[in-house]
Protein backbone atom coordinates (compact mmCIF):
# COMPACT_ATOMS: atom_id res chain seq x y z
CA MET A 1 -31.06 -44.56 23.57
CA ALA A 2 -31.04 -41.02 22.04
CA LEU A 3 -28.60 -40.65 18.83
CA GLY A 4 -25.66 -38.71 18.44
CA VAL A 5 -25.41 -37.44 14.63
CA TYR A 6 -22.01 -37.03 13.26
CA VAL A 7 -22.12 -35.07 9.60
CA HIS A 8 -18.73 -35.45 7.60
CA VAL A 9 -17.55 -32.40 5.60
CA PRO A 10 -15.24 -33.60 3.15
CA PHE A 11 -13.36 -30.90 1.73
CA CYS A 12 -10.17 -28.51 2.79
CA ILE A 13 -8.75 -25.61 1.30
CA ARG A 14 -5.58 -27.69 1.92
CA LYS A 15 -5.06 -31.19 3.27
CA CYS A 16 -2.65 -30.53 6.35
CA LEU A 17 0.85 -32.69 6.03
CA TYR A 18 -0.33 -34.84 9.00
CA CYS A 19 -3.93 -35.72 8.20
CA SER A 20 -5.17 -39.04 6.93
CA PHE A 21 -8.68 -38.57 7.34
CA THR A 22 -10.90 -38.28 3.93
CA SER A 23 -10.99 -35.06 2.18
CA TYR A 24 -10.68 -33.65 -1.33
CA PRO A 25 -10.08 -30.12 -2.30
CA VAL A 26 -12.78 -27.74 -1.94
CA ASN A 27 -14.55 -26.38 -5.19
CA ARG A 28 -18.34 -25.23 -5.68
CA GLU A 29 -19.25 -28.11 -8.14
CA LEU A 30 -18.53 -31.06 -5.41
CA THR A 31 -19.98 -29.03 -2.83
CA GLU A 32 -23.27 -28.88 -4.42
CA THR A 33 -23.00 -32.52 -5.17
CA TYR A 34 -22.29 -33.21 -1.78
CA LEU A 35 -25.06 -30.90 -0.19
CA THR A 36 -27.45 -32.16 -2.59
CA ALA A 37 -27.13 -36.07 -1.63
CA LEU A 38 -26.27 -35.20 2.17
CA ALA A 39 -29.76 -34.01 2.09
CA ARG A 40 -31.09 -37.46 0.56
CA GLU A 41 -29.55 -39.17 3.37
CA ILE A 42 -30.81 -37.03 6.09
CA ASN A 43 -34.51 -37.27 4.74
CA MET A 44 -34.00 -41.36 4.01
CA TYR A 45 -33.10 -41.74 7.65
CA GLY A 46 -35.48 -39.61 9.13
CA SER A 47 -37.99 -41.53 7.22
CA ALA A 48 -36.89 -44.91 7.89
CA LEU A 49 -36.50 -44.55 12.20
CA SER A 50 -38.93 -44.61 14.59
CA HIS A 51 -39.97 -41.32 16.48
CA THR A 52 -37.74 -42.55 19.49
CA GLU A 53 -34.80 -43.43 17.32
CA ARG A 54 -34.96 -39.78 15.61
CA ALA A 55 -34.22 -38.46 19.07
CA VAL A 56 -30.82 -36.47 18.85
CA SER A 57 -28.49 -35.31 21.77
CA SER A 58 -25.58 -33.97 20.01
CA VAL A 59 -24.90 -32.98 16.59
CA PHE A 60 -21.35 -32.71 15.76
CA VAL A 61 -20.02 -31.46 12.34
CA GLY A 62 -16.66 -32.51 11.35
CA GLY A 63 -13.91 -32.72 8.73
CA GLY A 64 -12.27 -32.15 6.43
CA THR A 65 -12.87 -28.50 7.20
CA PRO A 66 -16.76 -27.83 7.77
CA SER A 67 -16.01 -24.04 7.59
CA CYS A 68 -14.62 -23.99 4.03
CA LEU A 69 -18.56 -24.40 3.30
CA PRO A 70 -20.54 -21.19 2.82
CA VAL A 71 -22.55 -20.55 5.56
CA ALA A 72 -25.56 -21.12 3.80
CA GLY A 73 -24.53 -24.76 3.13
CA LEU A 74 -24.06 -25.41 6.79
CA LYS A 75 -27.79 -23.72 7.69
CA ALA A 76 -29.63 -25.95 5.11
CA ILE A 77 -27.37 -29.16 6.67
CA PHE A 78 -29.23 -27.97 9.64
CA ASP A 79 -32.63 -27.14 8.47
CA GLN A 80 -32.78 -30.87 7.08
CA LEU A 81 -31.58 -32.30 10.08
CA GLY A 82 -34.25 -30.28 12.04
CA SER A 83 -36.86 -31.49 10.00
CA SER A 84 -35.97 -35.22 10.07
CA PHE A 85 -34.93 -35.55 13.35
CA LEU A 86 -36.01 -34.48 16.95
CA PHE A 87 -33.26 -32.50 19.11
CA LEU A 88 -33.81 -32.87 22.34
CA PRO A 89 -33.77 -30.06 24.78
CA GLY A 90 -30.43 -28.61 25.68
CA CYS A 91 -29.04 -30.54 22.37
CA GLU A 92 -25.35 -30.02 22.29
CA ILE A 93 -24.52 -28.83 18.14
CA THR A 94 -20.65 -28.32 17.26
CA VAL A 95 -19.06 -27.36 14.35
CA GLU A 96 -15.18 -27.50 13.87
CA VAL A 97 -13.86 -24.51 12.25
CA ASN A 98 -10.25 -23.73 11.12
CA PRO A 99 -9.13 -20.31 12.06
CA GLY A 100 -8.01 -19.31 8.40
CA THR A 101 -11.16 -19.59 7.20
CA VAL A 102 -14.05 -17.60 9.50
CA ASP A 103 -14.95 -13.79 10.18
CA ASP A 104 -17.68 -11.83 12.31
CA VAL A 105 -19.92 -12.61 9.34
CA TYR A 106 -19.44 -16.31 8.83
CA LEU A 107 -19.60 -16.87 13.00
CA ASN A 108 -22.68 -14.78 13.08
CA GLY A 109 -24.03 -17.09 10.68
CA LEU A 110 -23.23 -20.15 12.50
CA LEU A 111 -24.88 -19.29 15.95
CA GLU A 112 -28.20 -17.77 13.97
CA ALA A 113 -28.13 -21.55 12.34
CA GLY A 114 -28.69 -23.13 16.07
CA VAL A 115 -24.62 -23.61 16.49
CA ASN A 116 -24.18 -23.56 19.92
CA ARG A 117 -20.71 -25.08 20.48
CA LEU A 118 -17.48 -24.21 18.13
CA SER A 119 -14.44 -26.30 18.02
CA ILE A 120 -11.56 -24.37 16.84
CA GLY A 121 -8.62 -26.24 15.43
CA VAL A 122 -5.64 -24.05 16.58
CA GLN A 123 -3.06 -26.99 16.94
CA SER A 124 -0.30 -24.27 17.93
CA LEU A 125 0.30 -20.69 18.98
CA GLN A 126 4.05 -21.01 17.17
CA ASP A 127 3.81 -20.14 13.27
CA HIS A 128 6.68 -22.26 12.40
CA LEU A 129 5.21 -25.00 14.31
CA LEU A 130 2.13 -24.39 12.23
CA ASP A 131 4.00 -24.25 9.14
CA GLU A 132 5.44 -27.91 9.99
CA LEU A 133 1.93 -29.04 10.18
CA GLY A 134 0.74 -27.67 6.78
CA ARG A 135 -1.89 -25.72 8.46
CA ILE A 136 -3.30 -22.72 6.47
CA HIS A 137 -3.56 -20.56 9.29
CA LYS A 138 -1.28 -18.16 11.48
CA ALA A 139 -1.51 -18.10 15.27
CA GLY A 140 -2.57 -14.42 15.24
CA GLN A 141 -5.68 -15.87 13.23
CA ALA A 142 -6.13 -18.31 16.11
CA LEU A 143 -6.12 -15.49 18.20
CA ASP A 144 -8.72 -13.76 16.20
CA ALA A 145 -11.24 -16.47 15.85
CA VAL A 146 -11.73 -16.89 19.68
CA ASN A 147 -12.29 -13.39 20.06
CA LEU A 148 -14.60 -13.24 16.91
CA ALA A 149 -16.46 -16.28 18.21
CA ARG A 150 -17.19 -14.50 21.66
CA LYS A 151 -18.25 -11.56 20.09
CA ALA A 152 -20.37 -13.04 17.90
CA GLY A 153 -21.99 -14.41 21.48
CA PHE A 154 -20.48 -18.11 21.55
CA ARG A 155 -19.99 -18.90 24.86
CA ASN A 156 -19.01 -22.69 24.45
CA LEU A 157 -15.64 -23.05 22.71
CA ASN A 158 -13.08 -25.89 22.63
CA LEU A 159 -9.72 -25.52 21.26
CA ASP A 160 -7.61 -28.14 19.91
CA PHE A 161 -3.90 -28.47 20.44
CA ILE A 162 -1.22 -30.83 19.23
CA PHE A 163 2.14 -31.98 20.89
CA GLY A 164 4.82 -33.60 19.73
CA ILE A 165 5.27 -31.53 16.62
CA PRO A 166 9.01 -32.12 14.83
CA GLY A 167 11.04 -29.02 16.14
CA GLN A 168 8.77 -28.55 19.22
CA THR A 169 10.53 -27.93 22.61
CA GLY A 170 8.87 -28.12 25.88
CA ALA A 171 9.19 -23.97 26.12
CA ALA A 172 7.19 -23.36 23.31
CA TRP A 173 4.66 -26.40 24.22
CA ALA A 174 4.31 -24.25 27.69
CA ALA A 175 4.04 -21.02 25.76
CA THR A 176 1.06 -22.63 24.01
CA LEU A 177 -0.69 -23.84 26.78
CA GLY A 178 -0.02 -20.53 28.32
CA GLY A 179 -1.94 -19.03 25.44
CA ALA A 180 -4.65 -21.31 25.64
CA LEU A 181 -5.47 -20.34 29.21
CA ALA A 182 -5.22 -16.73 28.53
CA LEU A 183 -7.99 -17.24 25.80
CA ALA A 184 -10.48 -18.91 28.80
CA PRO A 185 -11.88 -21.75 26.54
CA GLU A 186 -14.57 -24.27 28.19
CA HIS A 187 -13.07 -27.01 26.91
CA VAL A 188 -9.28 -27.72 25.76
CA SER A 189 -8.30 -31.06 23.79
CA VAL A 190 -4.87 -31.92 23.92
CA TYR A 191 -3.37 -34.76 21.31
CA GLY A 192 0.02 -35.97 20.50
CA LEU A 193 0.62 -36.05 17.03
CA GLN A 194 0.41 -39.30 15.53
CA ILE A 195 2.74 -39.84 12.38
CA GLU A 196 0.01 -41.80 10.27
CA GLU A 197 0.91 -43.85 6.91
CA ASN A 198 0.75 -42.18 3.33
CA THR A 199 0.89 -38.66 4.58
CA PRO A 200 3.35 -36.09 3.45
CA LEU A 201 4.59 -36.13 7.12
CA ALA A 202 5.32 -40.04 7.08
CA ARG A 203 7.20 -40.08 4.23
CA ALA A 204 9.55 -36.63 5.32
CA VAL A 205 10.18 -38.77 8.52
CA ALA A 206 10.83 -41.97 6.35
CA SER A 207 13.33 -39.81 3.79
CA GLY A 208 15.05 -38.50 6.98
CA GLN A 209 13.90 -34.68 5.99
CA THR A 210 12.02 -34.50 9.62
CA THR A 211 13.16 -36.12 13.01
CA PRO A 212 9.96 -37.28 15.21
CA CYS A 213 9.81 -35.41 18.21
CA PRO A 214 11.60 -38.25 21.23
CA GLU A 215 8.92 -40.01 23.11
CA GLU A 216 10.25 -38.57 26.55
CA LEU A 217 9.97 -35.22 25.44
CA GLU A 218 6.38 -36.00 24.19
CA LEU A 219 5.32 -37.50 27.40
CA GLY A 220 6.64 -34.44 29.16
CA MET A 221 4.33 -32.10 26.81
CA TYR A 222 1.48 -34.59 27.77
CA LEU A 223 2.30 -34.55 31.54
CA ALA A 224 2.83 -30.73 31.55
CA ALA A 225 -0.46 -30.14 29.93
CA ILE A 226 -2.50 -32.27 32.70
CA ASP A 227 -0.56 -30.28 35.45
CA SER A 228 -1.19 -26.56 33.78
CA LEU A 229 -4.62 -27.17 32.57
CA THR A 230 -5.96 -29.07 35.87
CA GLN A 231 -4.21 -26.54 38.03
CA ASN A 232 -6.32 -23.87 36.21
CA GLY A 233 -9.62 -25.12 36.95
CA TYR A 234 -9.94 -28.02 33.86
CA GLU A 235 -11.20 -31.42 34.77
CA HIS A 236 -8.78 -33.77 33.13
CA TYR A 237 -12.16 -36.42 32.21
CA GLU A 238 -10.88 -38.43 29.10
CA ILE A 239 -7.05 -39.02 27.87
CA SER A 240 -6.95 -35.75 25.87
CA ASN A 241 -9.51 -33.62 26.93
CA PHE A 242 -10.33 -31.48 29.55
CA ALA A 243 -13.04 -29.18 30.48
CA ARG A 244 -14.85 -26.46 32.71
CA PRO A 245 -17.28 -28.25 35.42
CA GLY A 246 -20.19 -28.77 33.09
CA ARG A 247 -18.87 -28.10 29.97
CA GLN A 248 -17.63 -31.96 29.04
CA CYS A 249 -18.21 -32.74 25.48
CA ALA A 250 -21.64 -34.25 24.76
CA HIS A 251 -21.19 -35.71 21.71
CA ASN A 252 -17.42 -37.76 22.36
CA LEU A 253 -19.18 -38.72 25.71
CA VAL A 254 -21.49 -40.85 23.13
CA TYR A 255 -18.30 -42.72 21.45
CA TRP A 256 -16.59 -43.22 24.83
CA GLN A 257 -19.95 -44.48 26.31
CA ASN A 258 -20.07 -46.67 23.48
CA ARG A 259 -23.77 -45.02 22.73
CA PRO A 260 -25.43 -45.19 19.47
CA TYR A 261 -24.34 -42.61 16.73
CA LEU A 262 -25.38 -42.12 13.34
CA GLY A 263 -22.73 -40.85 10.86
CA LEU A 264 -23.86 -38.48 7.35
CA GLY A 265 -21.80 -37.57 4.57
CA PRO A 266 -18.83 -39.48 2.80
CA ALA A 267 -16.74 -41.97 4.77
CA ALA A 268 -18.80 -40.89 7.72
CA HIS A 269 -18.98 -43.97 10.07
CA SER A 270 -22.02 -45.48 12.56
CA PHE A 271 -22.79 -47.63 15.34
CA PHE A 272 -26.80 -48.43 15.16
CA ARG A 273 -29.08 -51.23 15.73
CA GLY A 274 -26.01 -53.55 16.88
CA GLU A 275 -24.16 -52.68 13.69
CA ARG A 276 -21.06 -51.00 12.49
CA PHE A 277 -21.14 -49.39 9.16
CA ALA A 278 -19.17 -46.90 7.28
CA ASN A 279 -20.29 -44.69 4.14
CA GLU A 280 -18.50 -44.38 0.43
CA THR A 281 -15.33 -42.60 0.92
CA SER A 282 -15.93 -40.89 -2.72
CA VAL A 283 -18.10 -38.32 -3.02
CA ALA A 284 -19.11 -39.20 -6.44
CA ARG A 285 -20.09 -43.03 -5.34
CA TYR A 286 -21.79 -41.47 -2.32
CA SER A 287 -24.07 -39.05 -4.33
CA GLN A 288 -24.73 -42.30 -6.72
CA LYS A 289 -26.11 -44.64 -4.55
CA LEU A 290 -28.25 -41.68 -3.25
CA CYS A 291 -29.56 -40.76 -6.17
CA ARG A 292 -30.77 -44.68 -6.71
CA GLU A 293 -32.44 -44.19 -3.28
CA GLU A 294 -30.14 -46.56 -1.70
CA TYR A 295 -27.94 -46.06 1.61
CA PRO A 296 -24.59 -45.07 0.82
CA VAL A 297 -22.97 -47.87 3.16
CA GLU A 298 -19.63 -49.37 1.69
CA THR A 299 -18.54 -51.55 4.50
CA ARG A 300 -21.29 -53.02 7.50
CA GLU A 301 -20.15 -55.33 10.53
CA LYS A 302 -22.64 -56.72 13.05
CA ILE A 303 -21.37 -56.40 16.26
CA THR A 304 -21.25 -59.53 18.49
CA PRO A 305 -22.42 -58.90 22.40
CA GLU A 306 -18.67 -60.34 23.16
CA THR A 307 -17.40 -57.31 20.82
CA GLU A 308 -19.81 -54.87 22.20
CA MET A 309 -18.74 -55.70 25.92
CA ALA A 310 -14.88 -55.43 24.71
CA GLU A 311 -15.22 -51.98 23.16
CA THR A 312 -17.48 -50.67 26.22
CA MET A 313 -14.76 -51.78 28.22
CA PHE A 314 -11.54 -49.80 26.51
CA LEU A 315 -13.25 -47.17 25.48
CA GLY A 316 -15.25 -46.53 28.81
CA LEU A 317 -11.41 -46.59 30.25
CA ARG A 318 -10.35 -43.68 28.23
CA LEU A 319 -12.30 -41.48 30.59
CA LEU A 320 -10.60 -40.98 33.82
CA GLN A 321 -13.81 -41.44 36.04
CA GLY A 322 -13.25 -45.20 34.14
CA VAL A 323 -16.05 -47.80 33.16
CA ASP A 324 -18.85 -47.81 35.72
CA LEU A 325 -19.47 -51.54 36.63
CA ASN A 326 -22.67 -51.39 37.68
CA MET A 327 -23.96 -49.93 34.19
CA PHE A 328 -21.87 -52.46 32.50
CA TYR A 329 -23.94 -55.22 34.48
CA HIS A 330 -27.42 -53.60 33.55
CA ARG A 331 -26.55 -53.13 30.07
CA PHE A 332 -24.91 -56.92 29.45
CA GLY A 333 -26.28 -58.90 32.05
CA ARG A 334 -22.97 -59.98 33.13
CA ARG A 335 -20.34 -58.66 35.51
CA ALA A 336 -17.08 -57.26 33.85
CA GLU A 337 -15.13 -58.41 36.90
CA VAL A 338 -16.11 -61.79 35.92
CA VAL A 339 -15.74 -61.58 31.65
CA TYR A 340 -12.28 -59.90 31.91
CA ARG A 341 -11.43 -61.49 35.83
CA ARG A 342 -7.82 -62.43 34.24
CA GLU A 343 -7.34 -59.64 32.06
CA ILE A 344 -8.28 -57.26 34.97
CA ALA A 345 -6.20 -59.08 37.59
CA GLY A 346 -3.17 -58.79 35.36
CA LEU A 347 -3.40 -54.93 34.63
CA VAL A 348 -4.38 -54.27 38.71
CA LYS A 349 -1.14 -56.31 39.18
CA GLU A 350 0.95 -54.48 37.00
CA GLY A 351 -0.37 -51.19 38.85
CA LEU A 352 -2.26 -49.85 35.42
CA VAL A 353 -5.55 -49.87 36.76
CA GLU A 354 -7.80 -49.98 39.97
CA PHE A 355 -11.14 -50.27 41.01
CA ALA A 356 -12.55 -46.87 42.70
CA GLY A 357 -15.62 -48.06 44.07
CA GLU A 358 -18.07 -49.63 41.50
CA ARG A 359 -15.74 -48.27 38.70
CA LEU A 360 -12.73 -49.56 36.80
CA ARG A 361 -10.24 -46.96 35.76
CA LEU A 362 -6.56 -45.97 34.57
CA THR A 363 -4.35 -45.18 37.19
CA ALA A 364 -1.74 -42.18 36.99
CA ARG A 365 0.83 -44.70 35.45
CA GLY A 366 -1.90 -46.47 33.29
CA LEU A 367 -2.91 -43.12 31.81
CA PRO A 368 0.29 -42.76 29.50
CA LEU A 369 0.06 -46.56 28.85
CA ALA A 370 -3.38 -46.66 27.73
CA ASN A 371 -2.62 -48.38 24.89
CA ARG A 372 -1.48 -51.27 26.46
CA VAL A 373 -4.41 -51.22 28.46
CA PHE A 374 -6.94 -51.24 25.83
CA GLY A 375 -5.17 -54.39 24.38
CA GLU A 376 -6.18 -56.09 26.67
CA PHE A 377 -9.39 -55.96 25.69
CA VAL A 378 -9.72 -56.29 22.08
């Protein structure tokens, strides 16, 4: 089974107020340490894996802000990956970019490096809401980034947007959705803002300086996104994701179908050879282990068949088409309808899931209550 490869770039020009991911202020010395260590990690895996295990169906470079690296640094990463792994025909290669960090030269450089998909973190098309999130770019820069990407030759763009921002109105969200449609991306991701612990936004909410978006309004924004995007030719294929026909994100499907993936870089997570493991979050510790020719793993967990079955259920239910029950049987030798008889019966009775041929999927009622459904399989 082909691998998905994730590369974590743990640097940002400035961390957003809502972000809880591992990232550090970018600087030249730390970047060089990271790139040297990452090359070692890529080579170690390339040398250790069998020919079959080195087959890669997708690469996703995320962060942090990958586009705060020099384009030569990203090209070096792809060169290392290309020499250590086997990119299958049609391999999807995505890089996340912040609109405030790219220009035409940079985007042309990414295309020349082999990148065939961009994920642009637009988040909002209103400047005051971008300020609320602590983003470094303005709406105009997001529009410019999309236009420059098209001019460079990119034919597969994802745009990320956030709803439920403090101070955001339904009208503002509708305007952002209209702006998104005008940009005509191949893929759109919409995420409800999560107020994560130990972030500046969480502290602002706790102190009363910021008022969270009311749940009812946030739900209305989510439903408005579904209506707007599906009525304009996008398939709602995952809870938060919409795509033109044939443009689903191949890399994220690896996660949602609970297939193996390898995470490279500080704080990257992997699911491989029946284990889940996470790398050191500190760039220094990550680099030191690799200098000693050790894998930079901080935590490791053996995944039991029971855990893998449960994860296959709740991850698969994120997809609008749901869990393929025959695939589940072929993978585990057991019927999901039997293993989870009680849980499924209860959810069907509540109207949260339904059988559709040989699939189990969320209902329209279950979609906004997905976490309630997933909890039955944890």
